[in-house]
Amino acid sequence: MMSFERSWQFVHSLVAYLILLISTTNCYPMFSEKVHIKCGGQPVAHAKVHIHDYKDGHFHQSIWDLHGITNEKGTYHFPSLESLNSLDFESARIMIKDTCVLKQTKCNLPYNQFEIPLHLFLTKHHHTLDLSLPEWESYTHSHCI
């Protein structure tokens, strides 16, 4: 049986370990396997979705294994949850761009590109990204229609 002093040292060590673990862990919720992208009540169909990593406020790299296109319902399925969950959400951005000209399809983002910081999107809206919200205008300088 442990003495009181040894028990206290064990508890103290355990608490210190937990504090260290929490302070080095990403505090953002894990992303689901999909995100719904819309403009008001309309889904953003056939749009390119990319994840870009920024360093010191400037583009650093594109995360190639997370690129894709939204379906007819405006849903984008992330091909690699492992890559997504390993991102630094403070510096990563989700980029949505139209493909109207390329594919000759109807869409509601003609000639616009939106780039939203992941940490803002995650903490406020979880799995639905509505590009018509005024809070995104300072990041995009664009409007969906």
C-alpha atoms as a PDB file:
ATOM      1  CA  MET A   1       0.000   0.000   0.000  1.00  0.00           C
ATOM      2  CA  MET A   2       1.287   3.456  -0.943  1.00  0.00           C
ATOM      3  CA  SER A   3       1.998   6.041   1.662  1.00  0.00           C
ATOM      4  CA  PHE A   4       0.078   9.302   1.609  1.00  0.00           C
ATOM      5  CA  GLU A   5       3.142  11.196   0.337  1.00  0.00           C
ATOM      6  CA  ARG A   6       3.717   8.760  -2.546  1.00  0.00           C
ATOM      7  CA  SER A   7       0.018   8.885  -3.464  1.00  0.00           C
ATOM      8  CA  TRP A   8       0.150  12.680  -3.517  1.00  0.00           C
ATOM      9  CA  GLN A   9       3.257  12.633  -5.760  1.00  0.00           C
ATOM     10  CA  PHE A  10       1.515  10.242  -8.138  1.00  0.00           C
ATOM     11  CA  VAL A  11      -1.593  12.462  -8.357  1.00  0.00           C
ATOM     12  CA  HIS A  12       0.586  15.551  -8.852  1.00  0.00           C
ATOM     13  CA  SER A  13       2.496  13.836 -11.691  1.00  0.00           C
ATOM     14  CA  LEU A  14      -0.738  12.687 -13.318  1.00  0.00           C
ATOM     15  CA  VAL A  15      -2.223  16.198 -13.213  1.00  0.00           C
ATOM     16  CA  ALA A  16       0.981  17.679 -14.674  1.00  0.00           C
ATOM     17  CA  TYR A  17       0.896  15.106 -17.488  1.00  0.00           C
ATOM     18  CA  LEU A  18      -2.764  15.885 -18.281  1.00  0.00           C
ATOM     19  CA  ILE A  19      -2.067  19.632 -18.381  1.00  0.00           C
ATOM     20  CA  LEU A  20       0.817  19.033 -20.789  1.00  0.00           C
ATOM     21  CA  LEU A  21      -1.338  16.761 -22.946  1.00  0.00           C
ATOM     22  CA  ILE A  22      -4.205  19.259 -23.132  1.00  0.00           C
ATOM     23  CA  SER A  23      -1.925  22.208 -23.885  1.00  0.00           C
ATOM     24  CA  THR A  24      -0.364  20.442 -26.884  1.00  0.00           C
ATOM     25  CA  THR A  25      -3.594  19.046 -28.315  1.00  0.00           C
ATOM     26  CA  ASN A  26      -5.574  20.724 -31.085  1.00  0.00           C
ATOM     27  CA  CYS A  27      -8.655  22.162 -29.368  1.00  0.00           C
ATOM     28  CA  TYR A  28     -10.835  22.271 -32.460  1.00  0.00           C
ATOM     29  CA  PRO A  29     -13.448  19.590 -32.993  1.00  0.00           C
ATOM     30  CA  MET A  30     -12.606  16.912 -35.488  1.00  0.00           C
ATOM     31  CA  PHE A  31     -14.095  17.546 -38.879  1.00  0.00           C
ATOM     32  CA  SER A  32     -16.728  15.184 -40.138  1.00  0.00           C
ATOM     33  CA  GLU A  33     -16.227  13.365 -43.415  1.00  0.00           C
ATOM     34  CA  LYS A  34     -18.316  15.950 -45.269  1.00  0.00           C
ATOM     35  CA  VAL A  35     -19.261  19.609 -45.336  1.00  0.00           C
ATOM     36  CA  HIS A  36     -22.349  21.220 -46.885  1.00  0.00           C
ATOM     37  CA  ILE A  37     -21.580  24.382 -48.847  1.00  0.00           C
ATOM     38  CA  LYS A  38     -24.417  26.719 -49.712  1.00  0.00           C
ATOM     39  CA  CYS A  39     -25.254  30.276 -50.722  1.00  0.00           C
ATOM     40  CA  GLY A  40     -28.303  31.245 -48.696  1.00  0.00           C
ATOM     41  CA  GLY A  41     -30.790  28.455 -49.332  1.00  0.00           C
ATOM     42  CA  GLN A  42     -29.112  27.182 -52.512  1.00  0.00           C
ATOM     43  CA  PRO A  43     -26.466  24.444 -52.552  1.00  0.00           C
ATOM     44  CA  VAL A  44     -23.154  25.316 -54.182  1.00  0.00           C
ATOM     45  CA  ALA A  45     -22.932  22.517 -56.741  1.00  0.00           C
ATOM     46  CA  HIS A  46     -19.909  21.600 -58.868  1.00  0.00           C
ATOM     47  CA  ALA A  47     -17.511  23.892 -56.997  1.00  0.00           C
ATOM     48  CA  LYS A  48     -13.832  23.153 -56.457  1.00  0.00           C
ATOM     49  CA  VAL A  49     -12.840  22.697 -52.819  1.00  0.00           C
ATOM     50  CA  HIS A  50      -9.208  23.020 -51.751  1.00  0.00           C
ATOM     51  CA  ILE A  51      -7.482  23.315 -48.402  1.00  0.00           C
ATOM     52  CA  HIS A  52      -4.590  25.772 -48.299  1.00  0.00           C
ATOM     53  CA  ASP A  53      -2.020  26.160 -45.565  1.00  0.00           C
ATOM     54  CA  TYR A  54      -0.731  29.647 -44.755  1.00  0.00           C
ATOM     55  CA  LYS A  55       2.383  30.758 -42.878  1.00  0.00           C
ATOM     56  CA  ASP A  56       2.706  34.293 -41.532  1.00  0.00           C
ATOM     57  CA  GLY A  57      -0.446  35.277 -43.420  1.00  0.00           C
ATOM     58  CA  HIS A  58       0.896  34.169 -46.815  1.00  0.00           C
ATOM     59  CA  PHE A  59       0.097  31.113 -48.924  1.00  0.00           C
ATOM     60  CA  HIS A  60       2.461  28.270 -48.050  1.00  0.00           C
ATOM     61  CA  GLN A  61       1.115  25.108 -49.678  1.00  0.00           C
ATOM     62  CA  SER A  62      -1.971  23.383 -50.970  1.00  0.00           C
ATOM     63  CA  ILE A  63      -2.989  20.124 -49.306  1.00  0.00           C
ATOM     64  CA  TRP A  64      -3.385  18.052 -52.479  1.00  0.00           C
ATOM     65  CA  ASP A  65      -5.012  14.984 -50.963  1.00  0.00           C
ATOM     66  CA  LEU A  66      -7.955  17.145 -49.787  1.00  0.00           C
ATOM     67  CA  HIS A  67      -8.906  18.617 -53.185  1.00  0.00           C
ATOM     68  CA  GLY A  68     -12.252  17.784 -54.737  1.00  0.00           C
ATOM     69  CA  ILE A  69     -15.583  19.038 -56.088  1.00  0.00           C
ATOM     70  CA  THR A  70     -18.986  19.458 -54.436  1.00  0.00           C
ATOM     71  CA  ASN A  71     -21.832  17.277 -55.658  1.00  0.00           C
ATOM     72  CA  GLU A  72     -25.271  18.436 -56.904  1.00  0.00           C
ATOM     73  CA  LYS A  73     -26.418  18.992 -53.310  1.00  0.00           C
ATOM     74  CA  GLY A  74     -23.391  21.140 -52.427  1.00  0.00           C
ATOM     75  CA  THR A  75     -21.849  18.403 -50.306  1.00  0.00           C
ATOM     76  CA  TYR A  76     -18.124  17.840 -50.319  1.00  0.00           C
ATOM     77  CA  HIS A  77     -16.732  14.570 -48.955  1.00  0.00           C
ATOM     78  CA  PHE A  78     -13.190  14.879 -47.632  1.00  0.00           C
ATOM     79  CA  PRO A  79     -11.082  12.078 -49.103  1.00  0.00           C
ATOM     80  CA  SER A  80      -8.664  11.973 -46.159  1.00  0.00           C
ATOM     81  CA  LEU A  81      -9.874  12.646 -42.623  1.00  0.00           C
ATOM     82  CA  GLU A  82      -6.410  11.851 -41.325  1.00  0.00           C
ATOM     83  CA  SER A  83      -4.876  14.679 -43.381  1.00  0.00           C
ATOM     84  CA  LEU A  84      -7.684  17.042 -42.425  1.00  0.00           C
ATOM     85  CA  ASN A  85      -7.458  16.369 -38.703  1.00  0.00           C
ATOM     86  CA  SER A  86      -3.676  16.782 -38.731  1.00  0.00           C
ATOM     87  CA  LEU A  87      -3.901  20.350 -40.079  1.00  0.00           C
ATOM     88  CA  ASP A  88      -3.095  23.446 -38.072  1.00  0.00           C
ATOM     89  CA  PHE A  89      -6.601  24.943 -38.068  1.00  0.00           C
ATOM     90  CA  GLU A  90      -5.274  28.408 -37.161  1.00  0.00           C
ATOM     91  CA  SER A  91      -3.359  28.712 -40.443  1.00  0.00           C
ATOM     92  CA  ALA A  92      -5.419  26.565 -42.843  1.00  0.00           C
ATOM     93  CA  ARG A  93      -8.203  27.891 -45.069  1.00  0.00           C
ATOM     94  CA  ILE A  94     -10.932  26.203 -47.068  1.00  0.00           C
ATOM     95  CA  MET A  95     -11.091  27.543 -50.630  1.00  0.00           C
ATOM     96  CA  ILE A  96     -14.251  27.244 -52.726  1.00  0.00           C
ATOM     97  CA  LYS A  97     -14.145  28.243 -56.392  1.00  0.00           C
ATOM     98  CA  ASP A  98     -16.669  27.958 -59.194  1.00  0.00           C
ATOM     99  CA  THR A  99     -16.291  25.602 -62.155  1.00  0.00           C
ATOM    100  CA  CYS A 100     -19.054  27.228 -64.218  1.00  0.00           C
ATOM    101  CA  VAL A 101     -16.850  28.207 -67.141  1.00  0.00           C
ATOM    102  CA  LEU A 102     -14.911  24.954 -67.201  1.00  0.00           C
ATOM    103  CA  LYS A 103     -17.824  22.530 -67.049  1.00  0.00           C
ATOM    104  CA  GLN A 104     -20.607  24.674 -68.576  1.00  0.00           C
ATOM    105  CA  THR A 105     -22.858  23.887 -65.617  1.00  0.00           C
ATOM    106  CA  LYS A 106     -25.282  26.066 -63.701  1.00  0.00           C
ATOM    107  CA  CYS A 107     -23.899  27.290 -60.414  1.00  0.00           C
ATOM    108  CA  ASN A 108     -24.284  30.199 -58.035  1.00  0.00           C
ATOM    109  CA  LEU A 109     -20.642  31.243 -57.679  1.00  0.00           C
ATOM    110  CA  PRO A 110     -19.860  32.581 -61.140  1.00  0.00           C
ATOM    111  CA  TYR A 111     -16.301  33.906 -61.298  1.00  0.00           C
ATOM    112  CA  ASN A 112     -15.945  34.050 -57.519  1.00  0.00           C
ATOM    113  CA  GLN A 113     -13.508  32.433 -55.145  1.00  0.00           C
ATOM    114  CA  PHE A 114     -14.023  32.171 -51.410  1.00  0.00           C
ATOM    115  CA  GLU A 115     -11.292  31.416 -48.896  1.00  0.00           C
ATOM    116  CA  ILE A 116     -12.473  31.009 -45.304  1.00  0.00           C
ATOM    117  CA  PRO A 117     -10.185  30.338 -42.299  1.00  0.00           C
ATOM    118  CA  LEU A 118     -10.885  26.833 -41.003  1.00  0.00           C
ATOM    119  CA  HIS A 119     -10.756  27.830 -37.338  1.00  0.00           C
ATOM    120  CA  LEU A 120     -13.562  30.388 -37.811  1.00  0.00           C
ATOM    121  CA  PHE A 121     -15.662  28.016 -39.858  1.00  0.00           C
ATOM    122  CA  LEU A 122     -15.226  25.156 -37.380  1.00  0.00           C
ATOM    123  CA  THR A 123     -15.943  27.073 -34.200  1.00  0.00           C
ATOM    124  CA  LYS A 124     -19.070  28.771 -35.542  1.00  0.00           C
ATOM    125  CA  HIS A 125     -20.735  26.525 -38.093  1.00  0.00           C
ATOM    126  CA  HIS A 126     -19.374  22.966 -37.814  1.00  0.00           C
ATOM    127  CA  HIS A 127     -20.523  21.147 -40.966  1.00  0.00           C
ATOM    128  CA  THR A 128     -22.386  23.780 -43.011  1.00  0.00           C
ATOM    129  CA  LEU A 129     -20.654  26.667 -44.750  1.00  0.00           C
ATOM    130  CA  ASP A 130     -23.068  29.369 -45.943  1.00  0.00           C
ATOM    131  CA  LEU A 131     -21.097  31.723 -48.185  1.00  0.00           C
ATOM    132  CA  SER A 132     -23.855  34.361 -48.093  1.00  0.00           C
ATOM    133  CA  LEU A 133     -23.230  35.223 -44.435  1.00  0.00           C
ATOM    134  CA  PRO A 134     -21.838  38.755 -43.969  1.00  0.00           C
ATOM    135  CA  GLU A 135     -19.146  37.511 -41.571  1.00  0.00           C
ATOM    136  CA  TRP A 136     -17.213  36.032 -44.523  1.00  0.00           C
ATOM    137  CA  GLU A 137     -17.126  39.241 -46.604  1.00  0.00           C
ATOM    138  CA  SER A 138     -13.954  40.502 -44.929  1.00  0.00           C
ATOM    139  CA  TYR A 139     -12.186  37.327 -46.085  1.00  0.00           C
ATOM    140  CA  THR A 140     -13.634  36.936 -49.547  1.00  0.00           C
ATOM    141  CA  HIS A 141     -14.551  40.366 -50.929  1.00  0.00           C
ATOM    142  CA  SER A 142     -17.011  38.383 -53.066  1.00  0.00           C
ATOM    143  CA  HIS A 143     -20.667  37.525 -52.977  1.00  0.00           C
ATOM    144  CA  CYS A 144     -22.474  34.409 -54.029  1.00  0.00           C
ATOM    145  CA  ILE A 145     -25.718  34.793 -55.983  1.00  0.00           C
END
